[in-house]
Amino acid sequence: MRPDTAIFDMDGLLVDSEPLWHEAAVEAMQHFGVSIDAAAYAATVGLRTKEFLHHWFEVYGIDMAHVVDTETDITGRVTDKLRLRGRLMPGAEAAVRLLRQEGMRIGLATSSPLSLVDAFFELSGLAPLFDAVASAEHLDYGKPHPQVYIDCIRQLGRTAASGVCFEDSFNGMLAAKSARMRCIVVPAPETWERGCWGTADLKLSSLEQLTVDLVRNL
């Protein structure tokens, strides 16, 4: 079945927010005397903030009682940074518009809270192009669990066989494939050569490379 539905991740794919998440995490974790460098942070890309914090709090022996407040702190910092300094990824707006013009239904499936989705839509003006938005914010499990993609495809009134997902992270790709959908990955340049992307149906260096034929021929 040819795809008639496209579901996009948000952070790192449509909007250049991963550096902002890293900045916010570094600032918040300084309270505990912890510094997380870029390489260590990269291993947790695609996780929800609470899962990110559970991981690092366990590594550094920080009391888990601080998770909720720290999660709120980080999310607030990222939202402010996105509104002040956010920018779309190359080709992001064109890709969404291209598939919409082809008559495809468009969804957003993100690990981020809806407050950040709102900030993204304020920045991009793309809200009218999306038929559904699913957030893993309040789900039992975030990516790489497939639930957020399952929820999104259901909101769109489509089946997994009709969907193609767009992701930039390994955890996101696993979620999309576990939901039994096709997946196009756009990895960060520093992760391009990693062998983990073999599960994807297609790998692009930028959404600027996207064409209708590439999607239709998956």
N, C-alpha and C. Protein backbone atom coordinates (compact mmCIF):
# COMPACT_ATOMS: atom_id res chain seq x y z
N MET A 1 0.84 -1.20 0.00
CA MET A 1 0.00 0.00 0.00
C MET A 1 0.87 1.25 0.00
N ARG A 2 0.57 2.16 -0.92
CA ARG A 2 1.31 3.42 -0.94
C ARG A 2 0.92 4.28 0.25
N PRO A 3 1.88 4.98 0.82
CA PRO A 3 1.55 5.83 1.97
C PRO A 3 0.60 6.96 1.57
N ASP A 4 -0.41 7.19 2.39
CA ASP A 4 -1.28 8.35 2.19
C ASP A 4 -1.31 9.22 3.44
N THR A 5 -0.43 8.88 4.40
CA THR A 5 -0.37 9.59 5.68
C THR A 5 1.09 9.78 6.09
N ALA A 6 1.43 10.98 6.50
CA ALA A 6 2.80 11.27 6.95
C ALA A 6 2.75 11.77 8.40
N ILE A 7 3.57 11.17 9.24
CA ILE A 7 3.65 11.57 10.65
C ILE A 7 5.07 12.02 10.94
N PHE A 8 5.19 13.24 11.42
CA PHE A 8 6.49 13.83 11.69
C PHE A 8 6.79 13.87 13.18
N ASP A 9 8.02 13.55 13.53
CA ASP A 9 8.56 13.91 14.84
C ASP A 9 8.75 15.42 14.84
N MET A 10 9.04 16.00 15.98
CA MET A 10 9.21 17.46 16.04
C MET A 10 10.65 17.86 16.36
N ASP A 11 11.12 17.55 17.57
CA ASP A 11 12.44 18.01 18.01
C ASP A 11 13.55 17.40 17.17
N GLY A 12 14.39 18.26 16.61
CA GLY A 12 15.53 17.78 15.85
C GLY A 12 15.20 17.44 14.41
N LEU A 13 13.92 17.33 14.09
CA LEU A 13 13.50 17.01 12.73
C LEU A 13 12.87 18.23 12.06
N LEU A 14 11.83 18.79 12.68
CA LEU A 14 11.17 19.97 12.14
C LEU A 14 11.73 21.27 12.71
N VAL A 15 12.17 21.21 13.96
CA VAL A 15 12.69 22.41 14.61
C VAL A 15 14.03 22.07 15.26
N ASP A 16 14.95 23.01 15.18
CA ASP A 16 16.32 22.78 15.68
C ASP A 16 16.36 23.01 17.19
N SER A 17 15.69 22.12 17.91
CA SER A 17 15.54 22.30 19.35
C SER A 17 16.46 21.43 20.19
N GLU A 18 17.12 20.44 19.59
CA GLU A 18 17.98 19.58 20.42
C GLU A 18 19.08 20.35 21.13
N PRO A 19 19.74 21.33 20.47
CA PRO A 19 20.73 22.12 21.23
C PRO A 19 20.09 22.89 22.39
N LEU A 20 18.84 23.29 22.21
CA LEU A 20 18.14 24.02 23.28
C LEU A 20 17.82 23.10 24.44
N TRP A 21 17.41 21.86 24.13
CA TRP A 21 17.18 20.86 25.18
C TRP A 21 18.47 20.59 25.95
N HIS A 22 19.58 20.47 25.21
CA HIS A 22 20.86 20.20 25.88
C HIS A 22 21.23 21.37 26.79
N GLU A 23 21.10 22.59 26.29
CA GLU A 23 21.39 23.77 27.11
C GLU A 23 20.54 23.77 28.39
N ALA A 24 19.25 23.52 28.22
CA ALA A 24 18.33 23.55 29.36
C ALA A 24 18.68 22.46 30.37
N ALA A 25 19.04 21.28 29.87
CA ALA A 25 19.40 20.18 30.76
C ALA A 25 20.68 20.51 31.53
N VAL A 26 21.67 21.06 30.85
CA VAL A 26 22.92 21.44 31.51
C VAL A 26 22.65 22.47 32.59
N GLU A 27 21.84 23.47 32.28
CA GLU A 27 21.53 24.52 33.26
C GLU A 27 20.81 23.95 34.48
N ALA A 28 19.83 23.09 34.24
CA ALA A 28 19.05 22.53 35.34
C ALA A 28 19.89 21.57 36.20
N MET A 29 20.76 20.79 35.55
CA MET A 29 21.54 19.80 36.28
C MET A 29 22.69 20.42 37.06
N GLN A 30 23.04 21.65 36.75
CA GLN A 30 24.08 22.34 37.52
C GLN A 30 23.68 22.45 38.99
N HIS A 31 22.39 22.49 39.24
CA HIS A 31 21.88 22.57 40.62
C HIS A 31 22.35 21.38 41.44
N PHE A 32 22.59 20.25 40.75
CA PHE A 32 23.02 19.03 41.43
C PHE A 32 24.51 18.77 41.27
N GLY A 33 25.23 19.76 40.71
CA GLY A 33 26.66 19.61 40.50
C GLY A 33 27.01 18.63 39.41
N VAL A 34 26.12 18.46 38.44
CA VAL A 34 26.32 17.49 37.36
C VAL A 34 26.43 18.21 36.02
N SER A 35 27.37 17.77 35.19
CA SER A 35 27.52 18.32 33.84
C SER A 35 27.39 17.18 32.83
N ILE A 36 26.54 17.36 31.84
CA ILE A 36 26.32 16.34 30.81
C ILE A 36 26.83 16.88 29.49
N ASP A 37 27.89 16.26 28.95
CA ASP A 37 28.46 16.78 27.70
C ASP A 37 27.62 16.34 26.50
N ALA A 38 27.97 16.87 25.34
CA ALA A 38 27.17 16.65 24.14
C ALA A 38 27.10 15.17 23.76
N ALA A 39 28.21 14.45 23.91
CA ALA A 39 28.23 13.03 23.54
C ALA A 39 27.31 12.22 24.45
N ALA A 40 27.36 12.51 25.75
CA ALA A 40 26.49 11.79 26.68
C ALA A 40 25.03 12.13 26.44
N TYR A 41 24.77 13.40 26.17
CA TYR A 41 23.40 13.83 25.91
C TYR A 41 22.84 13.14 24.67
N ALA A 42 23.65 12.98 23.64
CA ALA A 42 23.20 12.39 22.37
C ALA A 42 22.63 10.99 22.55
N ALA A 43 23.13 10.27 23.55
CA ALA A 43 22.66 8.90 23.77
C ALA A 43 21.22 8.85 24.28
N THR A 44 20.71 9.98 24.76
CA THR A 44 19.36 10.01 25.32
C THR A 44 18.38 10.80 24.46
N VAL A 45 18.80 11.21 23.26
CA VAL A 45 17.91 11.95 22.36
C VAL A 45 16.71 11.08 22.00
N GLY A 46 15.53 11.67 22.04
CA GLY A 46 14.30 10.95 21.72
C GLY A 46 13.54 10.48 22.94
N LEU A 47 14.19 10.49 24.12
CA LEU A 47 13.50 10.13 25.35
C LEU A 47 12.70 11.31 25.87
N ARG A 48 11.66 11.03 26.63
CA ARG A 48 10.96 12.10 27.33
C ARG A 48 11.86 12.64 28.44
N THR A 49 11.57 13.85 28.88
CA THR A 49 12.41 14.49 29.89
C THR A 49 12.45 13.67 31.17
N LYS A 50 11.30 13.11 31.59
CA LYS A 50 11.28 12.34 32.82
C LYS A 50 12.17 11.10 32.72
N GLU A 51 12.20 10.48 31.54
CA GLU A 51 13.05 9.29 31.35
C GLU A 51 14.52 9.69 31.29
N PHE A 52 14.78 10.83 30.66
CA PHE A 52 16.13 11.39 30.64
C PHE A 52 16.62 11.61 32.07
N LEU A 53 15.77 12.20 32.89
CA LEU A 53 16.15 12.49 34.28
C LEU A 53 16.30 11.23 35.11
N HIS A 54 15.40 10.28 34.95
CA HIS A 54 15.53 9.02 35.68
C HIS A 54 16.88 8.37 35.37
N HIS A 55 17.27 8.41 34.10
CA HIS A 55 18.56 7.82 33.71
C HIS A 55 19.72 8.52 34.42
N TRP A 56 19.78 9.85 34.30
CA TRP A 56 20.93 10.56 34.84
C TRP A 56 20.90 10.66 36.36
N PHE A 57 19.73 10.73 36.94
CA PHE A 57 19.65 10.72 38.40
C PHE A 57 20.16 9.40 38.96
N GLU A 58 19.85 8.31 38.25
CA GLU A 58 20.35 7.01 38.70
C GLU A 58 21.86 6.94 38.54
N VAL A 59 22.38 7.44 37.42
CA VAL A 59 23.83 7.43 37.18
C VAL A 59 24.57 8.19 38.27
N TYR A 60 24.02 9.34 38.66
CA TYR A 60 24.73 10.21 39.61
C TYR A 60 24.21 10.09 41.05
N GLY A 61 23.28 9.18 41.29
CA GLY A 61 22.79 8.97 42.64
C GLY A 61 22.00 10.13 43.21
N ILE A 62 21.24 10.82 42.35
CA ILE A 62 20.43 11.96 42.79
C ILE A 62 19.06 11.45 43.23
N ASP A 63 18.53 12.03 44.28
CA ASP A 63 17.23 11.63 44.82
C ASP A 63 16.14 11.81 43.76
N MET A 64 15.41 10.73 43.46
CA MET A 64 14.36 10.77 42.45
C MET A 64 13.20 11.71 42.83
N ALA A 65 13.16 12.13 44.07
CA ALA A 65 12.12 13.07 44.49
C ALA A 65 12.22 14.39 43.75
N HIS A 66 13.39 14.67 43.15
CA HIS A 66 13.60 15.94 42.44
C HIS A 66 13.20 15.86 40.96
N VAL A 67 12.76 14.70 40.50
CA VAL A 67 12.49 14.53 39.06
C VAL A 67 11.40 15.48 38.58
N VAL A 68 10.28 15.52 39.27
CA VAL A 68 9.13 16.31 38.80
C VAL A 68 9.49 17.79 38.68
N ASP A 69 10.10 18.36 39.72
CA ASP A 69 10.46 19.78 39.69
C ASP A 69 11.50 20.06 38.61
N THR A 70 12.45 19.15 38.44
CA THR A 70 13.49 19.35 37.44
C THR A 70 12.93 19.23 36.03
N GLU A 71 11.99 18.31 35.85
CA GLU A 71 11.32 18.19 34.55
C GLU A 71 10.60 19.49 34.20
N THR A 72 9.88 20.05 35.15
CA THR A 72 9.18 21.31 34.92
C THR A 72 10.15 22.43 34.60
N ASP A 73 11.27 22.45 35.31
CA ASP A 73 12.31 23.46 35.10
C ASP A 73 12.86 23.37 33.68
N ILE A 74 13.23 22.16 33.26
CA ILE A 74 13.82 21.98 31.92
C ILE A 74 12.82 22.34 30.83
N THR A 75 11.60 21.87 30.97
CA THR A 75 10.58 22.16 29.95
C THR A 75 10.34 23.65 29.82
N GLY A 76 10.27 24.35 30.94
CA GLY A 76 10.08 25.79 30.90
C GLY A 76 11.24 26.50 30.22
N ARG A 77 12.44 26.06 30.53
CA ARG A 77 13.63 26.66 29.91
C ARG A 77 13.62 26.45 28.39
N VAL A 78 13.30 25.24 27.96
CA VAL A 78 13.30 24.94 26.52
C VAL A 78 12.23 25.76 25.81
N THR A 79 11.05 25.85 26.40
CA THR A 79 9.97 26.62 25.78
C THR A 79 10.37 28.07 25.61
N ASP A 80 10.99 28.66 26.62
CA ASP A 80 11.45 30.05 26.52
C ASP A 80 12.52 30.20 25.45
N LYS A 81 13.44 29.26 25.40
CA LYS A 81 14.52 29.32 24.41
C LYS A 81 13.97 29.17 22.99
N LEU A 82 12.99 28.28 22.85
CA LEU A 82 12.41 28.07 21.52
C LEU A 82 11.72 29.34 21.03
N ARG A 83 11.01 29.99 21.91
CA ARG A 83 10.31 31.22 21.52
C ARG A 83 11.29 32.34 21.19
N LEU A 84 12.44 32.36 21.87
CA LEU A 84 13.42 33.43 21.65
C LEU A 84 14.37 33.14 20.49
N ARG A 85 14.78 31.87 20.37
CA ARG A 85 15.86 31.56 19.42
C ARG A 85 15.55 30.38 18.49
N GLY A 86 14.31 29.92 18.51
CA GLY A 86 13.98 28.74 17.72
C GLY A 86 14.05 28.99 16.22
N ARG A 87 14.40 27.96 15.49
CA ARG A 87 14.42 28.05 14.03
C ARG A 87 14.05 26.68 13.47
N LEU A 88 13.43 26.70 12.31
CA LEU A 88 13.05 25.45 11.67
C LEU A 88 14.26 24.78 11.06
N MET A 89 14.21 23.47 10.96
CA MET A 89 15.27 22.73 10.29
C MET A 89 15.17 22.95 8.79
N PRO A 90 16.29 22.86 8.06
CA PRO A 90 16.26 23.05 6.60
C PRO A 90 15.27 22.10 5.93
N GLY A 91 14.42 22.65 5.11
CA GLY A 91 13.48 21.83 4.36
C GLY A 91 12.24 21.41 5.11
N ALA A 92 12.14 21.76 6.41
CA ALA A 92 11.02 21.27 7.23
C ALA A 92 9.68 21.79 6.73
N GLU A 93 9.55 23.09 6.58
CA GLU A 93 8.27 23.65 6.15
C GLU A 93 7.92 23.16 4.75
N ALA A 94 8.91 23.14 3.86
CA ALA A 94 8.65 22.69 2.48
C ALA A 94 8.19 21.24 2.44
N ALA A 95 8.76 20.39 3.30
CA ALA A 95 8.39 18.97 3.32
C ALA A 95 6.94 18.79 3.76
N VAL A 96 6.55 19.48 4.80
CA VAL A 96 5.17 19.38 5.29
C VAL A 96 4.21 19.88 4.22
N ARG A 97 4.52 21.02 3.62
CA ARG A 97 3.64 21.59 2.59
C ARG A 97 3.57 20.70 1.36
N LEU A 98 4.70 20.10 0.98
CA LEU A 98 4.73 19.23 -0.18
C LEU A 98 3.79 18.04 -0.03
N LEU A 99 3.87 17.37 1.10
CA LEU A 99 3.03 16.19 1.31
C LEU A 99 1.58 16.56 1.51
N ARG A 100 1.34 17.70 2.10
CA ARG A 100 -0.04 18.18 2.26
C ARG A 100 -0.64 18.47 0.88
N GLN A 101 0.13 19.11 0.03
CA GLN A 101 -0.34 19.42 -1.32
C GLN A 101 -0.64 18.17 -2.14
N GLU A 102 0.04 17.08 -1.79
CA GLU A 102 -0.20 15.81 -2.48
C GLU A 102 -1.43 15.09 -1.93
N GLY A 103 -2.12 15.71 -0.98
CA GLY A 103 -3.34 15.14 -0.45
C GLY A 103 -3.14 14.19 0.71
N MET A 104 -1.92 14.11 1.24
CA MET A 104 -1.65 13.23 2.37
C MET A 104 -2.14 13.88 3.67
N ARG A 105 -2.64 13.05 4.58
CA ARG A 105 -2.97 13.52 5.92
C ARG A 105 -1.67 13.63 6.71
N ILE A 106 -1.59 14.65 7.56
CA ILE A 106 -0.34 14.98 8.24
C ILE A 106 -0.53 14.93 9.75
N GLY A 107 0.38 14.24 10.43
CA GLY A 107 0.33 14.16 11.88
C GLY A 107 1.66 14.53 12.51
N LEU A 108 1.61 14.83 13.80
CA LEU A 108 2.80 15.11 14.59
C LEU A 108 2.80 14.15 15.77
N ALA A 109 3.90 13.44 15.97
CA ALA A 109 4.02 12.50 17.09
C ALA A 109 5.32 12.81 17.82
N THR A 110 5.20 13.35 19.01
CA THR A 110 6.37 13.87 19.71
C THR A 110 6.45 13.36 21.15
N SER A 111 7.66 13.29 21.65
CA SER A 111 7.88 12.98 23.06
C SER A 111 7.69 14.23 23.92
N SER A 112 7.70 15.38 23.31
CA SER A 112 7.63 16.64 24.05
C SER A 112 6.21 16.93 24.53
N PRO A 113 6.09 17.76 25.58
CA PRO A 113 4.75 18.14 26.07
C PRO A 113 4.05 19.05 25.08
N LEU A 114 2.73 19.13 25.20
CA LEU A 114 1.94 19.94 24.28
C LEU A 114 2.28 21.42 24.39
N SER A 115 2.77 21.86 25.54
CA SER A 115 3.16 23.26 25.68
C SER A 115 4.28 23.61 24.71
N LEU A 116 5.18 22.65 24.46
CA LEU A 116 6.26 22.90 23.51
C LEU A 116 5.75 22.81 22.08
N VAL A 117 4.77 21.94 21.84
CA VAL A 117 4.14 21.87 20.51
C VAL A 117 3.51 23.22 20.19
N ASP A 118 2.84 23.82 21.17
CA ASP A 118 2.24 25.13 20.97
C ASP A 118 3.29 26.17 20.60
N ALA A 119 4.44 26.12 21.28
CA ALA A 119 5.53 27.07 20.98
C ALA A 119 6.06 26.83 19.57
N PHE A 120 6.15 25.57 19.17
CA PHE A 120 6.59 25.25 17.81
C PHE A 120 5.62 25.80 16.77
N PHE A 121 4.34 25.63 17.00
CA PHE A 121 3.34 26.13 16.06
C PHE A 121 3.34 27.66 16.00
N GLU A 122 3.57 28.31 17.14
CA GLU A 122 3.68 29.77 17.15
C GLU A 122 4.87 30.21 16.30
N LEU A 123 5.97 29.49 16.43
CA LEU A 123 7.19 29.82 15.68
C LEU A 123 7.01 29.58 14.19
N SER A 124 6.41 28.44 13.84
CA SER A 124 6.39 28.00 12.44
C SER A 124 5.16 28.43 11.66
N GLY A 125 4.04 28.62 12.35
CA GLY A 125 2.79 28.91 11.65
C GLY A 125 2.24 27.72 10.90
N LEU A 126 2.69 26.51 11.22
CA LEU A 126 2.30 25.32 10.46
C LEU A 126 1.10 24.57 11.03
N ALA A 127 0.54 25.03 12.13
CA ALA A 127 -0.56 24.31 12.77
C ALA A 127 -1.69 23.95 11.81
N PRO A 128 -2.11 24.84 10.89
CA PRO A 128 -3.23 24.49 10.01
C PRO A 128 -2.95 23.32 9.07
N LEU A 129 -1.69 22.94 8.91
CA LEU A 129 -1.34 21.85 8.00
C LEU A 129 -1.40 20.48 8.67
N PHE A 130 -1.53 20.45 9.99
CA PHE A 130 -1.53 19.19 10.73
C PHE A 130 -2.96 18.78 11.08
N ASP A 131 -3.27 17.52 10.75
CA ASP A 131 -4.59 16.97 11.03
C ASP A 131 -4.68 16.33 12.41
N ALA A 132 -3.55 16.02 13.01
CA ALA A 132 -3.54 15.39 14.33
C ALA A 132 -2.21 15.66 15.02
N VAL A 133 -2.28 15.75 16.34
CA VAL A 133 -1.08 15.90 17.17
C VAL A 133 -1.17 14.91 18.31
N ALA A 134 -0.12 14.11 18.48
CA ALA A 134 -0.05 13.16 19.59
C ALA A 134 1.23 13.42 20.38
N SER A 135 1.09 13.51 21.69
CA SER A 135 2.24 13.71 22.57
C SER A 135 2.35 12.53 23.53
N ALA A 136 3.59 12.13 23.80
CA ALA A 136 3.82 11.06 24.77
C ALA A 136 3.90 11.58 26.19
N GLU A 137 3.59 12.87 26.38
CA GLU A 137 3.75 13.53 27.68
C GLU A 137 3.10 12.74 28.81
N HIS A 138 1.88 12.27 28.62
CA HIS A 138 1.15 11.60 29.70
C HIS A 138 0.96 10.10 29.47
N LEU A 139 1.65 9.55 28.49
CA LEU A 139 1.57 8.11 28.24
C LEU A 139 2.39 7.36 29.28
N ASP A 140 2.08 6.08 29.46
CA ASP A 140 2.87 5.26 30.38
C ASP A 140 4.31 5.13 29.90
N TYR A 141 4.48 5.08 28.58
CA TYR A 141 5.82 4.91 28.00
C TYR A 141 5.99 5.87 26.83
N GLY A 142 7.18 6.43 26.71
CA GLY A 142 7.51 7.27 25.56
C GLY A 142 8.33 6.48 24.56
N LYS A 143 8.79 7.15 23.52
CA LYS A 143 9.65 6.50 22.54
C LYS A 143 10.88 5.93 23.26
N PRO A 144 11.34 4.73 22.92
CA PRO A 144 11.07 3.93 21.73
C PRO A 144 9.80 3.08 21.75
N HIS A 145 8.96 3.22 22.79
CA HIS A 145 7.66 2.54 22.76
C HIS A 145 6.83 3.16 21.64
N PRO A 146 6.05 2.36 20.92
CA PRO A 146 5.33 2.87 19.74
C PRO A 146 4.02 3.59 20.02
N GLN A 147 3.59 3.70 21.29
CA GLN A 147 2.23 4.16 21.56
C GLN A 147 1.91 5.52 20.95
N VAL A 148 2.86 6.46 20.99
CA VAL A 148 2.56 7.79 20.47
C VAL A 148 2.26 7.75 18.98
N TYR A 149 2.94 6.85 18.25
CA TYR A 149 2.65 6.70 16.82
C TYR A 149 1.33 5.98 16.59
N ILE A 150 1.05 5.01 17.41
CA ILE A 150 -0.24 4.31 17.31
C ILE A 150 -1.38 5.28 17.57
N ASP A 151 -1.22 6.12 18.59
CA ASP A 151 -2.25 7.11 18.90
C ASP A 151 -2.45 8.09 17.74
N CYS A 152 -1.35 8.52 17.15
CA CYS A 152 -1.43 9.51 16.08
C CYS A 152 -2.11 8.94 14.84
N ILE A 153 -1.75 7.72 14.44
CA ILE A 153 -2.36 7.15 13.24
C ILE A 153 -3.85 6.90 13.46
N ARG A 154 -4.23 6.57 14.69
CA ARG A 154 -5.65 6.40 15.00
C ARG A 154 -6.40 7.73 14.92
N GLN A 155 -5.78 8.79 15.44
CA GLN A 155 -6.41 10.11 15.34
C GLN A 155 -6.62 10.51 13.88
N LEU A 156 -5.71 10.08 13.03
CA LEU A 156 -5.78 10.42 11.62
C LEU A 156 -6.78 9.56 10.85
N GLY A 157 -7.31 8.52 11.52
CA GLY A 157 -8.28 7.65 10.88
C GLY A 157 -7.67 6.74 9.82
N ARG A 158 -6.42 6.41 10.00
CA ARG A 158 -5.70 5.58 9.04
C ARG A 158 -5.13 4.34 9.74
N THR A 159 -4.60 3.42 8.94
CA THR A 159 -3.95 2.23 9.48
C THR A 159 -2.44 2.37 9.37
N ALA A 160 -1.72 1.57 10.13
CA ALA A 160 -0.27 1.63 10.11
C ALA A 160 0.29 1.40 8.71
N ALA A 161 -0.34 0.54 7.96
CA ALA A 161 0.15 0.21 6.61
C ALA A 161 0.14 1.41 5.68
N SER A 162 -0.67 2.42 6.00
CA SER A 162 -0.78 3.59 5.13
C SER A 162 0.15 4.72 5.54
N GLY A 163 0.89 4.54 6.64
CA GLY A 163 1.66 5.64 7.21
C GLY A 163 3.15 5.57 6.95
N VAL A 164 3.75 6.74 6.80
CA VAL A 164 5.20 6.86 6.78
C VAL A 164 5.59 7.89 7.84
N CYS A 165 6.57 7.55 8.66
CA CYS A 165 7.00 8.42 9.75
C CYS A 165 8.35 9.03 9.41
N PHE A 166 8.58 10.21 9.94
CA PHE A 166 9.83 10.93 9.74
C PHE A 166 10.47 11.14 11.11
N GLU A 167 11.71 10.71 11.26
CA GLU A 167 12.40 10.75 12.54
C GLU A 167 13.85 11.17 12.37
N ASP A 168 14.43 11.68 13.44
CA ASP A 168 15.86 12.01 13.45
C ASP A 168 16.63 11.21 14.48
N SER A 169 15.94 10.54 15.40
CA SER A 169 16.62 9.83 16.49
C SER A 169 16.43 8.32 16.37
N PHE A 170 17.35 7.59 16.97
CA PHE A 170 17.28 6.13 16.98
C PHE A 170 16.06 5.67 17.76
N ASN A 171 15.82 6.28 18.92
CA ASN A 171 14.64 5.90 19.71
C ASN A 171 13.34 6.16 18.94
N GLY A 172 13.29 7.26 18.21
CA GLY A 172 12.11 7.56 17.41
C GLY A 172 11.91 6.58 16.28
N MET A 173 13.01 6.21 15.62
CA MET A 173 12.92 5.23 14.55
C MET A 173 12.40 3.90 15.08
N LEU A 174 12.88 3.47 16.23
CA LEU A 174 12.40 2.22 16.83
C LEU A 174 10.91 2.30 17.12
N ALA A 175 10.45 3.45 17.60
CA ALA A 175 9.03 3.62 17.90
C ALA A 175 8.19 3.50 16.63
N ALA A 176 8.63 4.15 15.57
CA ALA A 176 7.89 4.13 14.31
C ALA A 176 7.83 2.72 13.73
N LYS A 177 8.96 2.04 13.73
CA LYS A 177 8.99 0.69 13.16
C LYS A 177 8.22 -0.29 14.04
N SER A 178 8.25 -0.09 15.36
CA SER A 178 7.48 -0.95 16.26
C SER A 178 5.98 -0.74 16.07
N ALA A 179 5.60 0.44 15.59
CA ALA A 179 4.20 0.71 15.29
C ALA A 179 3.81 0.14 13.91
N ARG A 180 4.76 -0.53 13.27
CA ARG A 180 4.56 -1.19 11.96
C ARG A 180 4.35 -0.19 10.83
N MET A 181 5.03 0.94 10.95
CA MET A 181 4.98 1.94 9.89
C MET A 181 6.34 2.07 9.22
N ARG A 182 6.32 2.56 8.01
CA ARG A 182 7.56 2.88 7.33
C ARG A 182 8.19 4.11 7.97
N CYS A 183 9.51 4.21 7.86
CA CYS A 183 10.21 5.31 8.54
C CYS A 183 11.33 5.86 7.68
N ILE A 184 11.29 7.17 7.48
CA ILE A 184 12.38 7.89 6.83
C ILE A 184 13.15 8.61 7.93
N VAL A 185 14.44 8.39 8.01
CA VAL A 185 15.25 9.03 9.05
C VAL A 185 16.10 10.14 8.45
N VAL A 186 16.27 11.20 9.25
CA VAL A 186 17.14 12.32 8.89
C VAL A 186 18.09 12.51 10.07
N PRO A 187 19.12 11.68 10.16
CA PRO A 187 20.00 11.72 11.34
C PRO A 187 20.80 13.01 11.42
N ALA A 188 21.18 13.37 12.63
CA ALA A 188 22.12 14.48 12.81
C ALA A 188 23.44 14.09 12.13
N PRO A 189 24.16 15.06 11.57
CA PRO A 189 25.39 14.75 10.83
C PRO A 189 26.38 13.88 11.61
N GLU A 190 26.48 14.13 12.92
CA GLU A 190 27.45 13.38 13.71
C GLU A 190 27.06 11.92 13.93
N THR A 191 25.82 11.58 13.61
CA THR A 191 25.37 10.19 13.77
C THR A 191 25.13 9.50 12.43
N TRP A 192 25.40 10.19 11.34
CA TRP A 192 25.07 9.69 9.99
C TRP A 192 25.68 8.32 9.71
N GLU A 193 26.92 8.10 10.11
CA GLU A 193 27.63 6.88 9.76
C GLU A 193 27.32 5.69 10.67
N ARG A 194 26.53 5.89 11.69
CA ARG A 194 26.23 4.80 12.61
C ARG A 194 25.42 3.71 11.91
N GLY A 195 25.72 2.47 12.24
CA GLY A 195 25.03 1.35 11.61
C GLY A 195 23.61 1.15 12.07
N CYS A 196 23.19 1.88 13.10
CA CYS A 196 21.86 1.67 13.67
C CYS A 196 20.73 2.07 12.74
N TRP A 197 21.01 2.82 11.70
CA TRP A 197 19.94 3.31 10.82
C TRP A 197 19.47 2.29 9.80
N GLY A 198 20.05 1.11 9.82
CA GLY A 198 19.69 0.09 8.83
C GLY A 198 18.24 -0.35 8.88
N THR A 199 17.57 -0.13 10.00
CA THR A 199 16.17 -0.53 10.12
C THR A 199 15.25 0.43 9.37
N ALA A 200 15.71 1.65 9.10
CA ALA A 200 14.89 2.64 8.41
C ALA A 200 14.65 2.23 6.96
N ASP A 201 13.57 2.75 6.40
CA ASP A 201 13.25 2.47 4.99
C ASP A 201 14.01 3.39 4.06
N LEU A 202 14.43 4.53 4.56
CA LEU A 202 15.17 5.50 3.76
C LEU A 202 15.91 6.43 4.70
N LYS A 203 17.12 6.83 4.32
CA LYS A 203 17.91 7.76 5.12
C LYS A 203 18.25 8.98 4.27
N LEU A 204 17.93 10.17 4.78
CA LEU A 204 18.22 11.42 4.10
C LEU A 204 19.14 12.27 4.96
N SER A 205 19.95 13.10 4.32
CA SER A 205 20.81 14.00 5.09
C SER A 205 20.06 15.27 5.48
N SER A 206 18.93 15.55 4.81
CA SER A 206 18.13 16.73 5.11
C SER A 206 16.74 16.53 4.52
N LEU A 207 15.74 17.16 5.13
CA LEU A 207 14.40 17.14 4.55
C LEU A 207 14.36 17.88 3.22
N GLU A 208 15.39 18.66 2.92
CA GLU A 208 15.47 19.32 1.63
C GLU A 208 15.56 18.32 0.48
N GLN A 209 15.97 17.10 0.79
CA GLN A 209 16.08 16.05 -0.23
C GLN A 209 14.76 15.35 -0.52
N LEU A 210 13.75 15.61 0.27
CA LEU A 210 12.50 14.88 0.15
C LEU A 210 11.77 15.22 -1.15
N THR A 211 11.29 14.18 -1.82
CA THR A 211 10.43 14.35 -2.99
C THR A 211 9.21 13.45 -2.83
N VAL A 212 8.18 13.74 -3.58
CA VAL A 212 6.98 12.92 -3.54
C VAL A 212 7.29 11.50 -4.00
N ASP A 213 8.11 11.36 -5.03
CA ASP A 213 8.45 10.03 -5.55
C ASP A 213 9.14 9.18 -4.49
N LEU A 214 10.02 9.78 -3.69
CA LEU A 214 10.68 9.01 -2.64
C LEU A 214 9.69 8.43 -1.67
N VAL A 215 8.67 9.20 -1.34
CA VAL A 215 7.64 8.73 -0.40
C VAL A 215 6.75 7.70 -1.05
N ARG A 216 6.29 7.97 -2.25
CA ARG A 216 5.36 7.09 -2.93
C ARG A 216 5.99 5.73 -3.24
N ASN A 217 7.31 5.69 -3.43
CA ASN A 217 7.98 4.45 -3.82
C ASN A 217 8.50 3.64 -2.65
N LEU A 218 8.20 4.03 -1.43
CA LEU A 218 8.66 3.27 -0.26
C LEU A 218 8.04 1.86 -0.27
